[in-house]
Amino acid sequence: MRITVFGANGPTGRLLTGRALAAGHRGSAVTSIRTPAPMAVPCSTGCFCPT
C-alpha cells in the first residue's frame, strides 16, 4: 500500500513510518523540518527505504 505520514519526525510519526516500512509499504513522509526523517531515505523508485 502507498501511504503518506504527516508529522513523520515526531514520536508517533517515527513509529508509524518504521512499522509501515517494515511491513513493506511505500509512501511519503511529510514533516515541518526540512531534513529527512532519520530512519528513511528516498529510493530511486520514489519510496522511502530504511537506512
PDB file of N, CA and C in Angstrom:
ATOM      1  N   MET A   1       0.844  -1.165   0.000  1.00  0.00           N
ATOM      2  CA  MET A   1       0.000   0.000   0.000  1.00  0.00           C
ATOM      3  C   MET A   1       0.897   1.238   0.000  1.00  0.00           C
ATOM      4  N   ARG A   2       0.473   2.275  -0.666  1.00  0.00           N
ATOM      5  CA  ARG A   2       1.203   3.541  -0.671  1.00  0.00           C
ATOM      6  C   ARG A   2       0.534   4.481   0.337  1.00  0.00           C
ATOM      7  N   ILE A   3       1.327   4.991   1.286  1.00  0.00           N
ATOM      8  CA  ILE A   3       0.772   5.834   2.338  1.00  0.00           C
ATOM      9  C   ILE A   3       1.540   7.150   2.437  1.00  0.00           C
ATOM     10  N   THR A   4       0.946   8.123   3.104  1.00  0.00           N
ATOM     11  CA  THR A   4       1.606   9.382   3.441  1.00  0.00           C
ATOM     12  C   THR A   4       1.494   9.557   4.949  1.00  0.00           C
ATOM     13  N   VAL A   5       2.635   9.822   5.595  1.00  0.00           N
ATOM     14  CA  VAL A   5       2.659  10.035   7.034  1.00  0.00           C
ATOM     15  C   VAL A   5       2.954  11.506   7.279  1.00  0.00           C
ATOM     16  N   PHE A   6       2.020  12.220   7.873  1.00  0.00           N
ATOM     17  CA  PHE A   6       2.222  13.614   8.250  1.00  0.00           C
ATOM     18  C   PHE A   6       2.800  13.646   9.659  1.00  0.00           C
ATOM     19  N   GLY A   7       3.790  14.515   9.875  1.00  0.00           N
ATOM     20  CA  GLY A   7       4.444  14.579  11.175  1.00  0.00           C
ATOM     21  C   GLY A   7       5.406  13.413  11.378  1.00  0.00           C
ATOM     22  N   ALA A   8       6.072  12.996  10.317  1.00  0.00           N
ATOM     23  CA  ALA A   8       6.913  11.801  10.352  1.00  0.00           C
ATOM     24  C   ALA A   8       8.151  11.938  11.230  1.00  0.00           C
ATOM     25  N   ASN A   9       8.549  13.139  11.620  1.00  0.00           N
ATOM     26  CA  ASN A   9       9.703  13.308  12.503  1.00  0.00           C
ATOM     27  C   ASN A   9       9.321  13.303  13.974  1.00  0.00           C
ATOM     28  N   GLY A  10       8.040  13.307  14.283  1.00  0.00           N
ATOM     29  CA  GLY A  10       7.600  13.251  15.680  1.00  0.00           C
ATOM     30  C   GLY A  10       7.609  11.816  16.188  1.00  0.00           C
ATOM     31  N   PRO A  11       7.387  11.634  17.489  1.00  0.00           N
ATOM     32  CA  PRO A  11       7.445  10.285  18.073  1.00  0.00           C
ATOM     33  C   PRO A  11       6.462   9.298  17.438  1.00  0.00           C
ATOM     34  N   THR A  12       5.224   9.711  17.275  1.00  0.00           N
ATOM     35  CA  THR A  12       4.226   8.823  16.681  1.00  0.00           C
ATOM     36  C   THR A  12       4.513   8.599  15.210  1.00  0.00           C
ATOM     37  N   GLY A  13       4.889   9.659  14.504  1.00  0.00           N
ATOM     38  CA  GLY A  13       5.196   9.540  13.077  1.00  0.00           C
ATOM     39  C   GLY A  13       6.369   8.619  12.810  1.00  0.00           C
ATOM     40  N   ARG A  14       7.404   8.692  13.653  1.00  0.00           N
ATOM     41  CA  ARG A  14       8.566   7.798  13.500  1.00  0.00           C
ATOM     42  C   ARG A  14       8.155   6.354  13.709  1.00  0.00           C
ATOM     43  N   LEU A  15       7.346   6.108  14.731  1.00  0.00           N
ATOM     44  CA  LEU A  15       6.877   4.753  14.998  1.00  0.00           C
ATOM     45  C   LEU A  15       6.048   4.233  13.828  1.00  0.00           C
ATOM     46  N   LEU A  16       5.102   5.037  13.365  1.00  0.00           N
ATOM     47  CA  LEU A  16       4.228   4.640  12.262  1.00  0.00           C
ATOM     48  C   LEU A  16       5.021   4.416  10.973  1.00  0.00           C
ATOM     49  N   THR A  17       5.956   5.311  10.675  1.00  0.00           N
ATOM     50  CA  THR A  17       6.765   5.181   9.461  1.00  0.00           C
ATOM     51  C   THR A  17       7.618   3.925   9.521  1.00  0.00           C
ATOM     52  N   GLY A  18       8.255   3.676  10.659  1.00  0.00           N
ATOM     53  CA  GLY A  18       9.079   2.479  10.806  1.00  0.00           C
ATOM     54  C   GLY A  18       8.283   1.199  10.641  1.00  0.00           C
ATOM     55  N   ARG A  19       7.093   1.167  11.223  1.00  0.00           N
ATOM     56  CA  ARG A  19       6.242  -0.031  11.100  1.00  0.00           C
ATOM     57  C   ARG A  19       5.736  -0.215   9.670  1.00  0.00           C
ATOM     58  N   ALA A  20       5.391   0.881   9.016  1.00  0.00           N
ATOM     59  CA  ALA A  20       4.919   0.789   7.628  1.00  0.00           C
ATOM     60  C   ALA A  20       6.029   0.273   6.714  1.00  0.00           C
ATOM     61  N   LEU A  21       7.249   0.773   6.899  1.00  0.00           N
ATOM     62  CA  LEU A  21       8.380   0.306   6.097  1.00  0.00           C
ATOM     63  C   LEU A  21       8.665  -1.166   6.359  1.00  0.00           C
ATOM     64  N   ALA A  22       8.621  -1.572   7.619  1.00  0.00           N
ATOM     65  CA  ALA A  22       8.874  -2.965   7.972  1.00  0.00           C
ATOM     66  C   ALA A  22       7.827  -3.898   7.371  1.00  0.00           C
ATOM     67  N   ALA A  23       6.607  -3.389   7.202  1.00  0.00           N
ATOM     68  CA  ALA A  23       5.528  -4.189   6.618  1.00  0.00           C
ATOM     69  C   ALA A  23       5.561  -4.185   5.089  1.00  0.00           C
ATOM     70  N   GLY A  24       6.517  -3.450   4.501  1.00  0.00           N
ATOM     71  CA  GLY A  24       6.660  -3.452   3.048  1.00  0.00           C
ATOM     72  C   GLY A  24       5.865  -2.384   2.320  1.00  0.00           C
ATOM     73  N   HIS A  25       5.304  -1.412   3.036  1.00  0.00           N
ATOM     74  CA  HIS A  25       4.543  -0.346   2.392  1.00  0.00           C
ATOM     75  C   HIS A  25       5.483   0.703   1.807  1.00  0.00           C
ATOM     76  N   ARG A  26       4.999   1.441   0.823  1.00  0.00           N
ATOM     77  CA  ARG A  26       5.733   2.555   0.224  1.00  0.00           C
ATOM     78  C   ARG A  26       4.977   3.828   0.520  1.00  0.00           C
ATOM     79  N   GLY A  27       5.659   4.963   0.380  1.00  0.00           N
ATOM     80  CA  GLY A  27       4.930   6.200   0.591  1.00  0.00           C
ATOM     81  C   GLY A  27       5.828   7.395   0.775  1.00  0.00           C
ATOM     82  N   SER A  28       5.268   8.409   1.393  1.00  0.00           N
ATOM     83  CA  SER A  28       5.965   9.669   1.605  1.00  0.00           C
ATOM     84  C   SER A  28       5.875  10.055   3.069  1.00  0.00           C
ATOM     85  N   ALA A  29       6.931  10.724   3.540  1.00  0.00           N
ATOM     86  CA  ALA A  29       6.953  11.252   4.894  1.00  0.00           C
ATOM     87  C   ALA A  29       6.919  12.767   4.804  1.00  0.00           C
ATOM     88  N   VAL A  30       5.947  13.393   5.463  1.00  0.00           N
ATOM     89  CA  VAL A  30       5.797  14.848   5.440  1.00  0.00           C
ATOM     90  C   VAL A  30       6.149  15.374   6.826  1.00  0.00           C
ATOM     91  N   THR A  31       7.063  16.348   6.861  1.00  0.00           N
ATOM     92  CA  THR A  31       7.475  16.934   8.136  1.00  0.00           C
ATOM     93  C   THR A  31       7.510  18.449   8.023  1.00  0.00           C
ATOM     94  N   SER A  32       7.567  19.118   9.167  1.00  0.00           N
ATOM     95  CA  SER A  32       7.723  20.568   9.147  1.00  0.00           C
ATOM     96  C   SER A  32       9.197  20.952   9.164  1.00  0.00           C
ATOM     97  N   ILE A  33      10.071  19.957   9.323  1.00  0.00           N
ATOM     98  CA  ILE A  33      11.517  20.160   9.328  1.00  0.00           C
ATOM     99  C   ILE A  33      12.048  19.770   7.946  1.00  0.00           C
ATOM    100  N   ARG A  34      12.988  20.516   7.409  1.00  0.00           N
ATOM    101  CA  ARG A  34      13.453  20.270   6.049  1.00  0.00           C
ATOM    102  C   ARG A  34      14.480  19.154   5.913  1.00  0.00           C
ATOM    103  N   THR A  35      14.823  18.489   6.993  1.00  0.00           N
ATOM    104  CA  THR A  35      15.776  17.388   6.911  1.00  0.00           C
ATOM    105  C   THR A  35      15.027  16.068   6.766  1.00  0.00           C
ATOM    106  N   PRO A  36      15.645  15.056   6.148  1.00  0.00           N
ATOM    107  CA  PRO A  36      14.966  13.761   6.012  1.00  0.00           C
ATOM    108  C   PRO A  36      14.715  13.106   7.369  1.00  0.00           C
ATOM    109  N   ALA A  37      13.697  12.305   7.445  1.00  0.00           N
ATOM    110  CA  ALA A  37      13.440  11.535   8.657  1.00  0.00           C
ATOM    111  C   ALA A  37      14.631  10.622   8.905  1.00  0.00           C
ATOM    112  N   PRO A  38      15.058  10.449  10.148  1.00  0.00           N
ATOM    113  CA  PRO A  38      16.284   9.710  10.420  1.00  0.00           C
ATOM    114  C   PRO A  38      16.258   8.244  10.015  1.00  0.00           C
ATOM    115  N   MET A  39      15.068   7.637   9.929  1.00  0.00           N
ATOM    116  CA  MET A  39      15.036   6.223   9.594  1.00  0.00           C
ATOM    117  C   MET A  39      14.756   5.951   8.128  1.00  0.00           C
ATOM    118  N   ALA A  40      14.691   6.967   7.305  1.00  0.00           N
ATOM    119  CA  ALA A  40      14.334   6.743   5.908  1.00  0.00           C
ATOM    120  C   ALA A  40      15.088   7.682   4.978  1.00  0.00           C
ATOM    121  N   VAL A  41      15.365   7.179   3.799  1.00  0.00           N
ATOM    122  CA  VAL A  41      15.981   7.987   2.748  1.00  0.00           C
ATOM    123  C   VAL A  41      15.242   7.709   1.445  1.00  0.00           C
ATOM    124  N   PRO A  42      15.174   8.682   0.538  1.00  0.00           N
ATOM    125  CA  PRO A  42      14.484   8.448  -0.727  1.00  0.00           C
ATOM    126  C   PRO A  42      15.195   7.364  -1.546  1.00  0.00           C
ATOM    127  N   CYS A  43      14.445   6.465  -2.129  1.00  0.00           N
ATOM    128  CA  CYS A  43      14.992   5.441  -3.023  1.00  0.00           C
ATOM    129  C   CYS A  43      14.823   5.889  -4.467  1.00  0.00           C
ATOM    130  N   SER A  44      15.430   5.166  -5.374  1.00  0.00           N
ATOM    131  CA  SER A  44      15.314   5.502  -6.802  1.00  0.00           C
ATOM    132  C   SER A  44      13.895   5.312  -7.304  1.00  0.00           C
ATOM    133  N   THR A  45      13.086   4.512  -6.602  1.00  0.00           N
ATOM    134  CA  THR A  45      11.707   4.277  -7.026  1.00  0.00           C
ATOM    135  C   THR A  45      10.750   5.339  -6.527  1.00  0.00           C
ATOM    136  N   GLY A  46      11.246   6.291  -5.711  1.00  0.00           N
ATOM    137  CA  GLY A  46      10.377   7.332  -5.188  1.00  0.00           C
ATOM    138  C   GLY A  46       9.811   7.022  -3.829  1.00  0.00           C
ATOM    139  N   CYS A  47      10.072   5.809  -3.314  1.00  0.00           N
ATOM    140  CA  CYS A  47       9.589   5.465  -1.982  1.00  0.00           C
ATOM    141  C   CYS A  47      10.662   5.818  -0.964  1.00  0.00           C
ATOM    142  N   PHE A  48      10.396   5.594   0.302  1.00  0.00           N
ATOM    143  CA  PHE A  48      11.390   5.791   1.347  1.00  0.00           C
ATOM    144  C   PHE A  48      11.802   4.432   1.874  1.00  0.00           C
ATOM    145  N   CYS A  49      13.092   4.221   1.988  1.00  0.00           N
ATOM    146  CA  CYS A  49      13.620   2.941   2.445  1.00  0.00           C
ATOM    147  C   CYS A  49      14.402   3.131   3.736  1.00  0.00           C
ATOM    148  N   PRO A  50      14.436   2.102   4.585  1.00  0.00           N
ATOM    149  CA  PRO A  50      15.213   2.232   5.827  1.00  0.00           C
ATOM    150  C   PRO A  50      16.687   2.459   5.542  1.00  0.00           C
ATOM    151  N   THR A  51      17.365   3.193   6.409  1.00  0.00           N
ATOM    152  CA  THR A  51      18.794   3.413   6.248  1.00  0.00           C
ATOM    153  C   THR A  51      19.568   2.268   6.841  1.00  0.00           C
TER     154      THR A  51
END
